Amino acid sequence: MKIISRYCLKEFTPPFVISLICFTFIILFDELFRLVKLFVKKGVSPLYLLESLLYVMPATVVLSIPMAALVAILLSLGRMSTDNEITAMRAHGISFNQLMIPLLCVTVLLSGIDLLLMELVLPRATLASVTLKRAIQRHNPAVILEEGIVMKELESEGKLWMYESTDAKSERLQNIKIWDEYNKGQPRYTLAKSASLGYENGNAKLTLYDGETYEPDVDGSDGFRITQFQQQQIALDFNRNLQRSEYKAQHPQTMRLGELQSHIQNIQNSIQPDRISEIAINRLRYAKVEYYKKFALPFACLAFGLIGIPLGFIVKHNGRMIGFGIGLGVILLYYLLLQVGQNTGMTGQFHPALAMWLPNLVIGVIGIIFTANMLTEGIIKTWRNKDKKLPIVVNRKAESSGKIGNLS
């Protein structure tokens, strides 16, 4: 490795590490506030909070790496430009290409690392995080209960339920509504005047009083039957102790590339041309957006490198502060375009591939234009001045003897 390449990497590394730590914690703090509210509400041990933050960390680092790479490039080149090191290098015959190549190689390497995190680490971490959150949501049902709110803690088991109020004397729940799916997705609806929540052998039981159950007829007709009851017990998958169960309903964010491809193919096969389901179309679009995001987001490092290097050379004075400000502006533009891409991809306005690669294309094209302008600036100036004559210099000794020479 050449000395100039090692020097560029040496200048790049410290601001990259510092920026990576700063951006990671800034993004993590937003998640931390939500988790603290949930943990305080449920009364769960703080150790689970630390575990949850550990699971969220890969998703945070995936976002932080491109941002840290851009800021590090701008700070390192800005510092070198401010101290006139770049001017000195060019005076000694070092071209912009020799400074660009090592930094672009680093961005390609970081894109590969980010891609590996997206493929190998992020799905498992997301799955573990969802599993832990579901266990926490089931914990401590006395805190979970909220009047007039549809409770979704049992949504994965096919149950939604709510109650309207609580009797002040008996402490029973009033006007219970339960939506349940059973027998391969057939719906069942239960109404009860009151209910009580208790525990038997560590399992939560909801005892319903004076109610009715509505369910479809078993013969497949459009009718339904009504069953009245005075008392009925329903088991709720709540636990006073935090117990985890396997998360079976996979989400695109918890899948690896191969699994996500199969998931997309299954959705496409389920869509019937003569009866198109809007829900299936939306699921398909969302799955495709997540698929292309796994490639587009890591290569934001390369896009940021293409625009960051020429911007870093432009900075002359107060290089660090100006470079940091420019970096934040580019990051804001990128993630604004990313949000627009996600929305247009899921609504079908753009193809999911184009929607997710749109930020990289915009930032990368702008960077290529800046780079081309920087590389051709010296050539254009030389071409413009090629026909100009050398200036005439007066030799004072020759002037005293009456001779004036054109010295080259």
Protein backbone atom coordinates (compact mmCIF):
# COMPACT_ATOMS: atom_id res chain seq x y z
CA MET A 1 0.00 0.00 0.00
CA LYS A 2 1.35 3.41 -0.94
CA ILE A 3 2.21 5.97 1.70
CA ILE A 4 -0.48 8.36 0.48
CA SER A 5 -3.14 5.64 0.74
CA ARG A 6 -2.12 4.75 4.28
CA TYR A 7 -2.18 8.42 5.21
CA CYS A 8 -5.70 8.89 3.83
CA LEU A 9 -6.96 5.83 5.71
CA LYS A 10 -5.23 7.02 8.89
CA GLU A 11 -7.04 10.36 8.62
CA PHE A 12 -10.34 8.63 7.84
CA THR A 13 -10.42 6.09 10.68
CA PRO A 14 -10.67 8.26 13.86
CA PRO A 15 -13.58 10.46 12.66
CA PHE A 16 -15.34 7.37 11.29
CA VAL A 17 -15.20 5.56 14.64
CA ILE A 18 -16.32 8.65 16.56
CA SER A 19 -19.13 9.38 14.10
CA LEU A 20 -20.28 5.75 14.16
CA ILE A 21 -20.55 5.80 17.96
CA CYS A 22 -22.32 9.17 18.00
CA PHE A 23 -24.87 8.33 15.29
CA THR A 24 -25.54 4.90 16.83
CA PHE A 25 -26.35 6.36 20.23
CA ILE A 26 -28.41 9.20 18.75
CA ILE A 27 -30.61 6.70 16.91
CA LEU A 28 -30.62 4.36 19.90
CA PHE A 29 -31.87 7.06 22.27
CA ASP A 30 -35.12 7.36 20.31
CA GLU A 31 -35.72 3.63 20.75
CA LEU A 32 -34.57 3.81 24.37
CA PHE A 33 -37.34 6.23 25.35
CA ARG A 34 -40.02 3.95 23.91
CA LEU A 35 -38.55 0.90 25.61
CA VAL A 36 -38.24 2.62 28.99
CA LYS A 37 -41.92 3.61 28.85
CA LEU A 38 -42.90 0.02 28.04
CA PHE A 39 -40.68 -1.49 30.74
CA VAL A 40 -41.86 0.90 33.45
CA LYS A 41 -45.48 0.22 32.52
CA LYS A 42 -45.01 -3.56 32.68
CA GLY A 43 -42.70 -3.62 35.69
CA VAL A 44 -40.07 -5.80 34.01
CA SER A 45 -36.48 -6.21 35.18
CA PRO A 46 -34.00 -3.66 33.71
CA LEU A 47 -31.91 -6.59 32.49
CA TYR A 48 -34.52 -7.21 29.81
CA LEU A 49 -34.20 -3.57 28.78
CA LEU A 50 -30.47 -4.05 28.18
CA GLU A 51 -31.21 -7.25 26.27
CA SER A 52 -33.75 -5.44 24.09
CA LEU A 53 -31.27 -2.65 23.35
CA LEU A 54 -28.74 -5.30 22.33
CA TYR A 55 -31.22 -6.72 19.82
CA VAL A 56 -31.97 -3.24 18.43
CA MET A 57 -28.25 -2.44 18.04
CA PRO A 58 -27.72 -4.18 14.62
CA ALA A 59 -30.56 -2.21 13.00
CA THR A 60 -29.04 0.97 14.41
CA VAL A 61 -25.52 0.18 13.21
CA VAL A 62 -26.80 -0.61 9.71
CA LEU A 63 -28.13 2.95 9.49
CA SER A 64 -25.13 4.52 11.23
CA ILE A 65 -22.36 3.08 9.01
CA PRO A 66 -23.24 5.07 5.84
CA MET A 67 -23.71 8.28 7.80
CA ALA A 68 -20.43 7.82 9.67
CA ALA A 69 -18.58 7.11 6.39
CA LEU A 70 -19.83 10.35 4.83
CA VAL A 71 -18.99 12.52 7.84
CA ALA A 72 -15.55 10.88 8.19
CA ILE A 73 -14.71 11.59 4.54
CA LEU A 74 -15.78 15.22 4.84
CA LEU A 75 -13.92 15.77 8.12
CA SER A 76 -10.69 14.10 7.02
CA LEU A 77 -10.51 15.80 3.61
CA GLY A 78 -11.73 19.07 5.11
CA ARG A 79 -8.91 19.00 7.64
CA MET A 80 -6.33 18.22 4.94
CA SER A 81 -7.74 20.96 2.69
CA THR A 82 -7.78 23.53 5.50
CA ASP A 83 -4.15 22.80 6.39
CA ASN A 84 -3.18 23.09 2.68
CA GLU A 85 -1.96 19.49 2.65
CA ILE A 86 -3.93 18.75 -0.50
CA THR A 87 -2.38 21.79 -2.22
CA ALA A 88 1.08 20.58 -1.20
CA MET A 89 0.33 17.06 -2.49
CA ARG A 90 -0.82 18.40 -5.85
CA ALA A 91 2.30 20.56 -6.05
CA HIS A 92 4.35 17.36 -5.73
CA GLY A 93 2.47 15.68 -8.56
CA ILE A 94 -0.12 13.71 -6.55
CA SER A 95 -3.41 13.67 -8.46
CA PHE A 96 -6.94 13.62 -7.13
CA ASN A 97 -7.24 10.00 -8.27
CA GLN A 98 -4.57 8.87 -5.82
CA LEU A 99 -6.52 10.44 -2.97
CA MET A 100 -9.92 9.19 -4.13
CA ILE A 101 -9.12 5.52 -4.74
CA PRO A 102 -8.37 4.48 -1.11
CA LEU A 103 -11.45 6.29 0.20
CA LEU A 104 -13.71 4.76 -2.45
CA CYS A 105 -12.29 1.32 -1.63
CA VAL A 106 -13.17 1.88 2.02
CA THR A 107 -16.77 2.79 1.13
CA VAL A 108 -17.07 -0.38 -0.98
CA LEU A 109 -15.72 -2.43 1.95
CA LEU A 110 -18.17 -0.77 4.35
CA SER A 111 -21.02 -1.48 1.91
CA GLY A 112 -20.07 -5.16 1.98
CA ILE A 113 -19.96 -5.19 5.79
CA ASP A 114 -23.34 -3.45 5.95
CA LEU A 115 -24.78 -5.99 3.50
CA LEU A 116 -23.54 -8.88 5.64
CA LEU A 117 -25.13 -7.31 8.71
CA MET A 118 -28.42 -6.93 6.83
CA GLU A 119 -28.33 -10.57 5.71
CA LEU A 120 -26.84 -12.47 8.66
CA VAL A 121 -27.31 -10.45 11.84
CA LEU A 122 -30.30 -8.13 11.41
CA PRO A 123 -33.01 -10.81 10.74
CA ARG A 124 -32.05 -12.82 13.84
CA ALA A 125 -31.79 -9.72 16.01
CA THR A 126 -35.17 -8.44 14.80
CA LEU A 127 -36.79 -11.82 15.45
CA ALA A 128 -35.32 -11.95 18.97
CA SER A 129 -36.44 -8.38 19.62
CA VAL A 130 -40.02 -9.09 18.50
CA THR A 131 -40.13 -12.26 20.60
CA LEU A 132 -38.97 -10.38 23.69
CA LYS A 133 -41.44 -7.52 23.14
CA ARG A 134 -44.33 -9.98 22.75
CA ALA A 135 -43.34 -11.65 26.02
CA ILE A 136 -43.19 -8.26 27.74
CA GLN A 137 -46.61 -7.25 26.38
CA ARG A 138 -48.14 -10.41 27.84
CA HIS A 139 -46.55 -9.76 31.22
CA ASN A 140 -48.60 -8.36 34.11
CA PRO A 141 -52.17 -8.29 32.70
CA ALA A 142 -53.43 -6.06 35.51
CA VAL A 143 -51.42 -3.26 33.92
CA ILE A 144 -52.35 -4.23 30.36
CA LEU A 145 -56.09 -3.72 30.81
CA GLU A 146 -57.33 -0.40 29.43
CA GLU A 147 -60.96 0.61 29.10
CA GLY A 148 -62.31 1.04 25.59
CA ILE A 149 -59.07 -0.12 23.94
CA VAL A 150 -58.82 -3.11 21.62
CA MET A 151 -56.01 -5.20 23.11
CA LYS A 152 -53.73 -6.92 20.63
CA GLU A 153 -51.45 -8.90 22.91
CA LEU A 154 -53.04 -12.11 21.60
CA GLU A 155 -53.27 -11.06 17.96
CA SER A 156 -50.77 -13.74 16.89
CA GLU A 157 -53.12 -16.38 18.41
CA GLY A 158 -56.06 -14.95 16.47
CA LYS A 159 -57.73 -13.12 19.36
CA LEU A 160 -58.68 -9.47 19.84
CA TRP A 161 -60.68 -8.32 22.83
CA MET A 162 -61.82 -5.25 24.70
CA TYR A 163 -64.10 -4.10 27.50
CA GLU A 164 -65.93 -0.81 27.98
CA SER A 165 -65.62 -0.12 31.72
CA THR A 166 -64.92 -1.54 35.18
CA ASP A 167 -67.54 -1.86 37.92
CA ALA A 168 -66.35 0.09 40.96
CA LYS A 169 -67.88 -2.32 43.52
CA SER A 170 -67.34 -5.78 42.04
CA GLU A 171 -64.25 -4.77 40.01
CA ARG A 172 -65.61 -6.85 37.15
CA LEU A 173 -65.04 -5.87 33.52
CA GLN A 174 -68.21 -4.67 31.80
CA ASN A 175 -69.46 -5.26 28.22
CA ILE A 176 -66.79 -7.62 26.92
CA LYS A 177 -66.23 -8.11 23.18
CA ILE A 178 -63.98 -10.88 21.85
CA TRP A 179 -63.05 -11.51 18.22
CA ASP A 180 -61.64 -14.98 17.68
CA GLU A 181 -60.54 -17.01 14.66
CA TYR A 182 -60.78 -20.76 14.81
CA ASN A 183 -61.23 -23.75 12.47
CA LYS A 184 -58.95 -22.49 9.68
CA GLY A 185 -59.75 -18.81 9.96
CA GLN A 186 -63.53 -18.87 10.49
CA PRO A 187 -64.51 -15.93 12.71
CA ARG A 188 -66.23 -16.13 16.06
CA TYR A 189 -67.64 -13.17 17.98
CA THR A 190 -68.44 -13.24 21.68
CA LEU A 191 -70.39 -10.69 23.75
CA ALA A 192 -70.64 -10.79 27.54
CA LYS A 193 -72.19 -8.42 30.08
CA SER A 194 -69.34 -8.84 32.56
CA ALA A 195 -66.12 -10.75 33.15
CA SER A 196 -63.44 -11.34 35.77
CA LEU A 197 -59.75 -11.99 35.25
CA GLY A 198 -58.02 -14.55 37.45
CA TYR A 199 -55.24 -17.14 37.59
CA GLU A 200 -55.29 -20.89 37.91
CA ASN A 201 -52.02 -22.81 38.14
CA GLY A 202 -50.15 -19.77 36.85
CA ASN A 203 -52.39 -19.43 33.76
CA ALA A 204 -54.66 -16.43 33.12
CA LYS A 205 -58.36 -17.16 32.80
CA LEU A 206 -61.07 -14.75 31.63
CA THR A 207 -64.43 -15.79 33.06
CA LEU A 208 -67.39 -14.42 31.08
CA TYR A 209 -70.88 -13.99 32.52
CA ASP A 210 -74.25 -13.72 30.69
CA GLY A 211 -73.11 -13.67 27.09
CA GLU A 212 -73.66 -14.89 23.55
CA THR A 213 -71.37 -16.39 20.92
CA TYR A 214 -71.88 -15.88 17.19
CA GLU A 215 -70.20 -18.31 14.79
CA PRO A 216 -70.78 -19.53 11.20
CA ASP A 217 -72.71 -22.70 10.52
CA VAL A 218 -70.53 -25.78 10.06
CA ASP A 219 -72.38 -26.77 6.85
CA GLY A 220 -70.69 -23.93 4.90
CA SER A 221 -73.85 -21.90 4.35
CA ASP A 222 -74.07 -18.14 4.85
CA GLY A 223 -75.98 -18.52 8.11
CA PHE A 224 -74.63 -18.46 11.65
CA ARG A 225 -75.66 -19.84 14.98
CA ILE A 226 -75.98 -18.10 18.35
CA THR A 227 -75.01 -19.83 21.57
CA GLN A 228 -76.06 -18.30 24.88
CA PHE A 229 -74.21 -18.96 28.12
CA GLN A 230 -74.34 -17.89 31.73
CA GLN A 231 -70.67 -18.54 32.44
CA GLN A 232 -67.75 -19.38 30.21
CA GLN A 233 -63.99 -19.48 30.70
CA ILE A 234 -61.41 -18.46 28.10
CA ALA A 235 -57.70 -19.09 28.55
CA LEU A 236 -55.53 -16.06 27.89
CA ASP A 237 -51.86 -16.52 27.11
CA PHE A 238 -50.77 -14.13 29.85
CA ASN A 239 -48.16 -14.85 32.49
CA ARG A 240 -47.10 -13.02 35.60
CA ASN A 241 -43.58 -14.27 34.96
CA LEU A 242 -41.92 -13.30 31.70
CA GLN A 243 -42.09 -16.36 29.45
CA ARG A 244 -41.09 -16.38 25.81
CA SER A 245 -42.55 -18.45 23.04
CA GLU A 246 -41.39 -18.97 19.49
CA TYR A 247 -42.51 -16.23 17.12
CA LYS A 248 -44.13 -18.12 14.24
CA ALA A 249 -45.70 -15.34 12.17
CA GLN A 250 -42.64 -14.24 10.22
CA HIS A 251 -42.31 -10.67 9.10
CA PRO A 252 -40.26 -9.59 6.03
CA GLN A 253 -37.83 -7.78 8.33
CA THR A 254 -37.07 -11.05 10.14
CA MET A 255 -36.30 -12.97 6.93
CA ARG A 256 -33.05 -13.52 5.09
CA LEU A 257 -32.82 -12.98 1.34
CA GLY A 258 -33.65 -16.58 0.39
CA GLU A 259 -36.59 -16.72 2.79
CA LEU A 260 -37.84 -13.36 1.57
CA GLN A 261 -37.69 -14.52 -2.05
CA SER A 262 -39.79 -17.57 -1.17
CA HIS A 263 -42.20 -15.37 0.76
CA ILE A 264 -42.63 -13.08 -2.27
CA GLN A 265 -43.14 -16.08 -4.55
CA ASN A 266 -45.81 -17.53 -2.23
CA ILE A 267 -47.71 -14.24 -2.22
CA GLN A 268 -47.53 -14.03 -6.01
CA ASN A 269 -48.82 -17.59 -6.34
CA SER A 270 -51.72 -16.84 -3.99
CA ILE A 271 -52.94 -13.91 -6.09
CA GLN A 272 -55.66 -15.04 -8.50
CA PRO A 273 -55.98 -13.04 -11.75
CA ASP A 274 -59.78 -13.20 -11.71
CA ARG A 275 -60.05 -12.07 -8.06
CA ILE A 276 -57.25 -9.72 -7.04
CA SER A 277 -57.00 -9.01 -3.34
CA GLU A 278 -55.88 -5.52 -2.33
CA ILE A 279 -54.48 -6.92 0.92
CA ALA A 280 -52.32 -9.43 -0.95
CA ILE A 281 -51.10 -6.73 -3.35
CA ASN A 282 -50.07 -4.52 -0.42
CA ARG A 283 -48.28 -7.44 1.27
CA LEU A 284 -46.45 -8.16 -1.98
CA ARG A 285 -45.34 -4.56 -2.41
CA TYR A 286 -44.16 -4.34 1.18
CA ALA A 287 -42.18 -7.58 0.88
CA LYS A 288 -40.51 -6.35 -2.32
CA VAL A 289 -39.66 -3.00 -0.72
CA GLU A 290 -37.96 -4.82 2.17
CA TYR A 291 -36.14 -7.10 -0.29
CA TYR A 292 -34.61 -4.28 -2.33
CA LYS A 293 -33.89 -2.28 0.82
CA LYS A 294 -31.49 -5.04 1.91
CA PHE A 295 -29.30 -4.11 -1.09
CA ALA A 296 -29.94 -0.39 -1.45
CA LEU A 297 -29.30 0.66 2.15
CA PRO A 298 -25.78 -0.85 2.45
CA PHE A 299 -24.65 0.71 -0.82
CA ALA A 300 -25.52 4.13 0.54
CA CYS A 301 -21.89 4.01 1.77
CA LEU A 302 -20.67 4.05 -1.83
CA ALA A 303 -23.14 6.79 -2.83
CA PHE A 304 -22.02 8.91 0.13
CA GLY A 305 -18.40 8.30 -0.86
CA LEU A 306 -19.03 9.51 -4.41
CA ILE A 307 -20.49 12.79 -3.20
CA GLY A 308 -18.40 13.17 -0.05
CA ILE A 309 -14.96 13.08 -1.69
CA PRO A 310 -15.45 16.04 -4.08
CA LEU A 311 -17.26 18.00 -1.37
CA GLY A 312 -14.35 17.35 0.98
CA PHE A 313 -11.88 18.78 -1.55
CA ILE A 314 -14.01 21.90 -1.94
CA VAL A 315 -13.90 22.80 1.76
CA LYS A 316 -11.17 25.41 2.37
CA HIS A 317 -11.77 27.21 5.65
CA ASN A 318 -13.12 25.88 8.93
CA GLY A 319 -13.10 22.51 7.28
CA ARG A 320 -14.36 20.44 10.17
CA MET A 321 -17.45 22.46 11.00
CA ILE A 322 -18.39 23.08 7.37
CA GLY A 323 -17.77 19.44 6.51
CA PHE A 324 -19.96 18.27 9.40
CA GLY A 325 -22.75 20.65 8.34
CA ILE A 326 -22.57 19.52 4.71
CA GLY A 327 -22.63 15.91 5.87
CA LEU A 328 -25.80 16.41 7.91
CA GLY A 329 -27.45 18.11 4.95
CA VAL A 330 -26.63 15.24 2.59
CA ILE A 331 -27.78 12.67 5.18
CA LEU A 332 -31.07 14.53 5.62
CA LEU A 333 -31.59 14.61 1.85
CA TYR A 334 -30.80 10.90 1.52
CA TYR A 335 -33.18 9.69 4.23
CA LEU A 336 -35.89 12.05 3.02
CA LEU A 337 -35.59 10.44 -0.42
CA LEU A 338 -35.53 7.01 1.26
CA GLN A 339 -38.80 7.74 3.04
CA VAL A 340 -40.35 8.99 -0.20
CA GLY A 341 -39.10 5.85 -1.95
CA GLN A 342 -40.63 3.55 0.68
CA ASN A 343 -44.00 5.30 0.47
CA THR A 344 -44.12 5.33 -3.33
CA GLY A 345 -42.93 1.72 -3.48
CA MET A 346 -45.64 0.47 -1.11
CA THR A 347 -48.38 2.47 -2.82
CA GLY A 348 -47.36 1.20 -6.27
CA GLN A 349 -46.46 4.59 -7.73
CA PHE A 350 -42.89 3.38 -8.42
CA HIS A 351 -41.51 -0.10 -8.89
CA PRO A 352 -40.07 -1.23 -5.51
CA ALA A 353 -36.55 -1.60 -6.97
CA LEU A 354 -36.54 1.93 -8.40
CA ALA A 355 -38.17 3.34 -5.27
CA MET A 356 -35.51 1.92 -2.94
CA TRP A 357 -32.53 2.69 -5.20
CA LEU A 358 -33.75 6.23 -5.92
CA PRO A 359 -31.78 7.86 -3.04
CA ASN A 360 -28.56 6.10 -4.09
CA LEU A 361 -29.06 7.11 -7.72
CA VAL A 362 -29.74 10.76 -6.90
CA ILE A 363 -26.84 11.12 -4.44
CA GLY A 364 -24.49 9.06 -6.61
CA VAL A 365 -25.23 11.01 -9.81
CA ILE A 366 -24.69 14.32 -8.03
CA GLY A 367 -21.42 12.97 -6.66
CA ILE A 368 -20.26 11.79 -10.10
CA ILE A 369 -21.00 15.24 -11.56
CA PHE A 370 -18.99 16.93 -8.80
CA THR A 371 -16.15 14.43 -9.24
CA ALA A 372 -16.05 14.85 -13.02
CA ASN A 373 -16.00 18.63 -12.64
CA MET A 374 -13.16 18.39 -10.12
CA LEU A 375 -11.06 16.03 -12.26
CA THR A 376 -11.53 18.00 -15.48
CA GLU A 377 -11.01 21.43 -13.93
CA GLY A 378 -7.22 21.42 -14.41
CA ILE A 379 -7.45 19.94 -17.92
CA ILE A 380 -9.97 22.57 -19.03
CA LYS A 381 -7.83 25.40 -17.65
CA THR A 382 -4.74 24.06 -19.45
CA TRP A 383 -6.70 23.72 -22.71
CA ARG A 384 -8.02 27.29 -22.41
CA ASN A 385 -4.54 28.72 -21.80
CA LYS A 386 -2.74 26.68 -24.45
CA ASP A 387 -2.67 29.56 -27.00
CA LYS A 388 -1.61 32.27 -24.58
CA LYS A 389 1.92 33.63 -24.96
CA LEU A 390 4.42 33.66 -22.13
CA PRO A 391 4.75 37.02 -20.39
CA ILE A 392 7.67 39.33 -21.30
CA VAL A 393 10.09 39.75 -18.41
CA VAL A 394 12.45 42.70 -18.34
CA ASN A 395 16.03 41.90 -17.36
CA ARG A 396 17.30 44.97 -15.53
CA LYS A 397 20.94 44.19 -16.38
CA ALA A 398 20.03 43.83 -20.03
CA GLU A 399 17.97 47.02 -19.80
CA SER A 400 21.01 49.00 -18.66
CA SER A 401 22.93 47.71 -21.71
CA GLY A 402 19.96 48.45 -24.00
CA LYS A 403 18.86 44.81 -24.44
CA ILE A 404 15.47 43.44 -23.55
CA GLY A 405 14.95 39.70 -23.65
CA ASN A 406 11.98 37.38 -23.60
CA LEU A 407 12.90 35.01 -20.82
CA SER A 408 11.15 31.70 -20.56
